[in-house]
Amino acid sequence: MHLSSAMAGRVGVRAQMVTLTHALIELGKPIDGMELALQCMTHVALTDEEARAQVKYAQWQTRAQRALNRQDVINGRVQVGPFEGELDDESYLDRTFFGSPDTVI
């Protein structure tokens, strides 16, 4: 199975797993030995401070994805910019997996 957490963070991923597990149990499906792939925004740096300083790259990625979804491309360049409801730095850090190897693990 594959889950994509988008910007759900640890809390959201845990909630998805609980929902999935309960659904499988209700359907009479086994949960022992379940194989699961998880896709989420992750950035590992040498230190937590270094990762925090690089959160702007996650913001750019999110902005670029939204612009591509709108097909907002001029002369082959994605028109990247802030958008309504965009997360601030702390929210990005809370909803993604950014940090040192120990922090991300």
C-alpha atoms as a PDB file:
ATOM      1  CA  MET A   1       0.000   0.000   0.000  1.00  0.00           C
ATOM      2  CA  HIS A   2       1.078   3.562  -0.523  1.00  0.00           C
ATOM      3  CA  LEU A   3       0.215   6.661   1.496  1.00  0.00           C
ATOM      4  CA  SER A   4       1.013  10.185   0.428  1.00  0.00           C
ATOM      5  CA  SER A   5       0.974  12.576   3.332  1.00  0.00           C
ATOM      6  CA  ALA A   6       1.467  15.798   1.372  1.00  0.00           C
ATOM      7  CA  MET A   7       1.994  18.250   4.247  1.00  0.00           C
ATOM      8  CA  ALA A   8       0.333  16.221   7.002  1.00  0.00           C
ATOM      9  CA  GLY A   9       3.388  15.822   9.249  1.00  0.00           C
ATOM     10  CA  ARG A  10       3.712  13.231  12.007  1.00  0.00           C
ATOM     11  CA  VAL A  11       0.223  13.858  13.380  1.00  0.00           C
ATOM     12  CA  GLY A  12      -1.409  13.509   9.975  1.00  0.00           C
ATOM     13  CA  VAL A  13       0.558  10.396   9.035  1.00  0.00           C
ATOM     14  CA  ARG A  14      -0.384   8.768  12.337  1.00  0.00           C
ATOM     15  CA  ALA A  15      -4.050   9.611  11.728  1.00  0.00           C
ATOM     16  CA  GLN A  16      -3.884   8.125   8.206  1.00  0.00           C
ATOM     17  CA  MET A  17      -2.358   4.932   9.600  1.00  0.00           C
ATOM     18  CA  VAL A  18      -5.059   4.631  12.270  1.00  0.00           C
ATOM     19  CA  THR A  19      -7.795   5.126   9.673  1.00  0.00           C
ATOM     20  CA  LEU A  20      -6.212   2.606   7.301  1.00  0.00           C
ATOM     21  CA  THR A  21      -5.693   0.011  10.028  1.00  0.00           C
ATOM     22  CA  HIS A  22      -9.287   0.322  11.279  1.00  0.00           C
ATOM     23  CA  ALA A  23     -10.636   0.058   7.726  1.00  0.00           C
ATOM     24  CA  LEU A  24      -8.627  -3.099   7.063  1.00  0.00           C
ATOM     25  CA  ILE A  25      -9.811  -4.666  10.319  1.00  0.00           C
ATOM     26  CA  GLU A  26     -13.456  -3.796   9.536  1.00  0.00           C
ATOM     27  CA  LEU A  27     -13.043  -5.427   6.111  1.00  0.00           C
ATOM     28  CA  GLY A  28     -11.590  -8.547   7.713  1.00  0.00           C
ATOM     29  CA  LYS A  29      -8.209  -7.994   6.074  1.00  0.00           C
ATOM     30  CA  PRO A  30      -4.978  -8.958   7.845  1.00  0.00           C
ATOM     31  CA  ILE A  31      -2.784  -6.202   9.243  1.00  0.00           C
ATOM     32  CA  ASP A  32       0.116  -8.382  10.397  1.00  0.00           C
ATOM     33  CA  GLY A  33       3.069  -8.039   8.044  1.00  0.00           C
ATOM     34  CA  MET A  34       1.456  -5.147   6.201  1.00  0.00           C
ATOM     35  CA  GLU A  35       3.897  -3.502   3.788  1.00  0.00           C
ATOM     36  CA  LEU A  36       3.495   0.223   3.439  1.00  0.00           C
ATOM     37  CA  ALA A  37       5.220   2.942   1.444  1.00  0.00           C
ATOM     38  CA  LEU A  38       4.985   6.522   2.644  1.00  0.00           C
ATOM     39  CA  GLN A  39       5.606   9.595   0.528  1.00  0.00           C
ATOM     40  CA  CYS A  40       6.128  12.858   2.365  1.00  0.00           C
ATOM     41  CA  MET A  41       8.223  15.994   2.066  1.00  0.00           C
ATOM     42  CA  THR A  42      11.552  15.273   3.754  1.00  0.00           C
ATOM     43  CA  HIS A  43      14.843  17.141   4.014  1.00  0.00           C
ATOM     44  CA  VAL A  44      17.823  15.902   5.990  1.00  0.00           C
ATOM     45  CA  ALA A  45      20.721  18.231   6.781  1.00  0.00           C
ATOM     46  CA  LEU A  46      23.713  17.838   9.068  1.00  0.00           C
ATOM     47  CA  THR A  47      21.937  19.756  11.849  1.00  0.00           C
ATOM     48  CA  ASP A  48      18.403  20.850  12.715  1.00  0.00           C
ATOM     49  CA  GLU A  49      19.497  24.472  12.372  1.00  0.00           C
ATOM     50  CA  GLU A  50      20.799  23.876   8.850  1.00  0.00           C
ATOM     51  CA  ALA A  51      17.542  22.172   7.865  1.00  0.00           C
ATOM     52  CA  ARG A  52      15.482  25.049   9.278  1.00  0.00           C
ATOM     53  CA  ALA A  53      17.548  27.513   7.262  1.00  0.00           C
ATOM     54  CA  GLN A  54      16.659  25.559   4.112  1.00  0.00           C
ATOM     55  CA  VAL A  55      12.862  25.533   4.565  1.00  0.00           C
ATOM     56  CA  LYS A  56      12.652  28.103   1.747  1.00  0.00           C
ATOM     57  CA  TYR A  57      13.319  25.246  -0.699  1.00  0.00           C
ATOM     58  CA  ALA A  58      10.212  23.400   0.500  1.00  0.00           C
ATOM     59  CA  GLN A  59       8.211  26.582   0.101  1.00  0.00           C
ATOM     60  CA  TRP A  60       9.527  26.997  -3.448  1.00  0.00           C
ATOM     61  CA  GLN A  61       8.625  23.381  -4.278  1.00  0.00           C
ATOM     62  CA  THR A  62       5.071  23.875  -3.028  1.00  0.00           C
ATOM     63  CA  ARG A  63       4.704  27.167  -4.893  1.00  0.00           C
ATOM     64  CA  ALA A  64       6.065  25.629  -8.101  1.00  0.00           C
ATOM     65  CA  GLN A  65       3.690  22.666  -7.840  1.00  0.00           C
ATOM     66  CA  ARG A  66       0.713  24.990  -7.438  1.00  0.00           C
ATOM     67  CA  ALA A  67       1.856  27.111 -10.392  1.00  0.00           C
ATOM     68  CA  LEU A  68       2.267  24.002 -12.572  1.00  0.00           C
ATOM     69  CA  ASN A  69      -1.200  22.810 -11.564  1.00  0.00           C
ATOM     70  CA  ARG A  70      -2.537  26.182 -12.771  1.00  0.00           C
ATOM     71  CA  GLN A  71      -0.359  25.879 -15.893  1.00  0.00           C
ATOM     72  CA  ASP A  72       1.154  29.218 -14.921  1.00  0.00           C
ATOM     73  CA  VAL A  73       4.225  28.961 -17.150  1.00  0.00           C
ATOM     74  CA  ILE A  74       5.624  31.775 -19.286  1.00  0.00           C
ATOM     75  CA  ASN A  75       8.410  31.137 -21.805  1.00  0.00           C
ATOM     76  CA  GLY A  76       9.131  27.780 -20.176  1.00  0.00           C
ATOM     77  CA  ARG A  77       9.411  29.216 -16.659  1.00  0.00           C
ATOM     78  CA  VAL A  78       7.068  28.376 -13.825  1.00  0.00           C
ATOM     79  CA  GLN A  79       5.659  31.537 -12.258  1.00  0.00           C
ATOM     80  CA  VAL A  80       6.426  30.835  -8.610  1.00  0.00           C
ATOM     81  CA  GLY A  81       5.076  33.118  -5.900  1.00  0.00           C
ATOM     82  CA  PRO A  82       3.314  33.201  -2.545  1.00  0.00           C
ATOM     83  CA  PHE A  83      -0.290  32.033  -2.430  1.00  0.00           C
ATOM     84  CA  GLU A  84      -3.277  32.501  -0.147  1.00  0.00           C
ATOM     85  CA  GLY A  85      -3.178  30.082   2.775  1.00  0.00           C
ATOM     86  CA  GLU A  86       0.520  29.330   2.372  1.00  0.00           C
ATOM     87  CA  LEU A  87       2.150  27.856   5.461  1.00  0.00           C
ATOM     88  CA  ASP A  88       4.689  29.889   7.411  1.00  0.00           C
ATOM     89  CA  ASP A  89       8.158  28.502   8.218  1.00  0.00           C
ATOM     90  CA  GLU A  90       7.158  26.937  11.545  1.00  0.00           C
ATOM     91  CA  SER A  91       4.124  25.232   9.996  1.00  0.00           C
ATOM     92  CA  TYR A  92       6.297  23.788   7.205  1.00  0.00           C
ATOM     93  CA  LEU A  93       8.658  22.414   9.833  1.00  0.00           C
ATOM     94  CA  ASP A  94       5.737  20.969  11.793  1.00  0.00           C
ATOM     95  CA  ARG A  95       4.076  19.327   8.777  1.00  0.00           C
ATOM     96  CA  THR A  96       7.148  17.974   7.005  1.00  0.00           C
ATOM     97  CA  PHE A  97      10.160  15.932   8.032  1.00  0.00           C
ATOM     98  CA  PHE A  98      12.999  18.463   8.241  1.00  0.00           C
ATOM     99  CA  GLY A  99      16.052  18.146  10.431  1.00  0.00           C
ATOM    100  CA  SER A 100      19.201  16.255  11.271  1.00  0.00           C
ATOM    101  CA  PRO A 101      19.270  12.493  10.664  1.00  0.00           C
ATOM    102  CA  ASP A 102      18.368  11.835  14.324  1.00  0.00           C
ATOM    103  CA  THR A 103      15.456  14.283  14.234  1.00  0.00           C
ATOM    104  CA  VAL A 104      13.993  12.899  11.016  1.00  0.00           C
ATOM    105  CA  ILE A 105      14.336   9.298  12.145  1.00  0.00           C
END
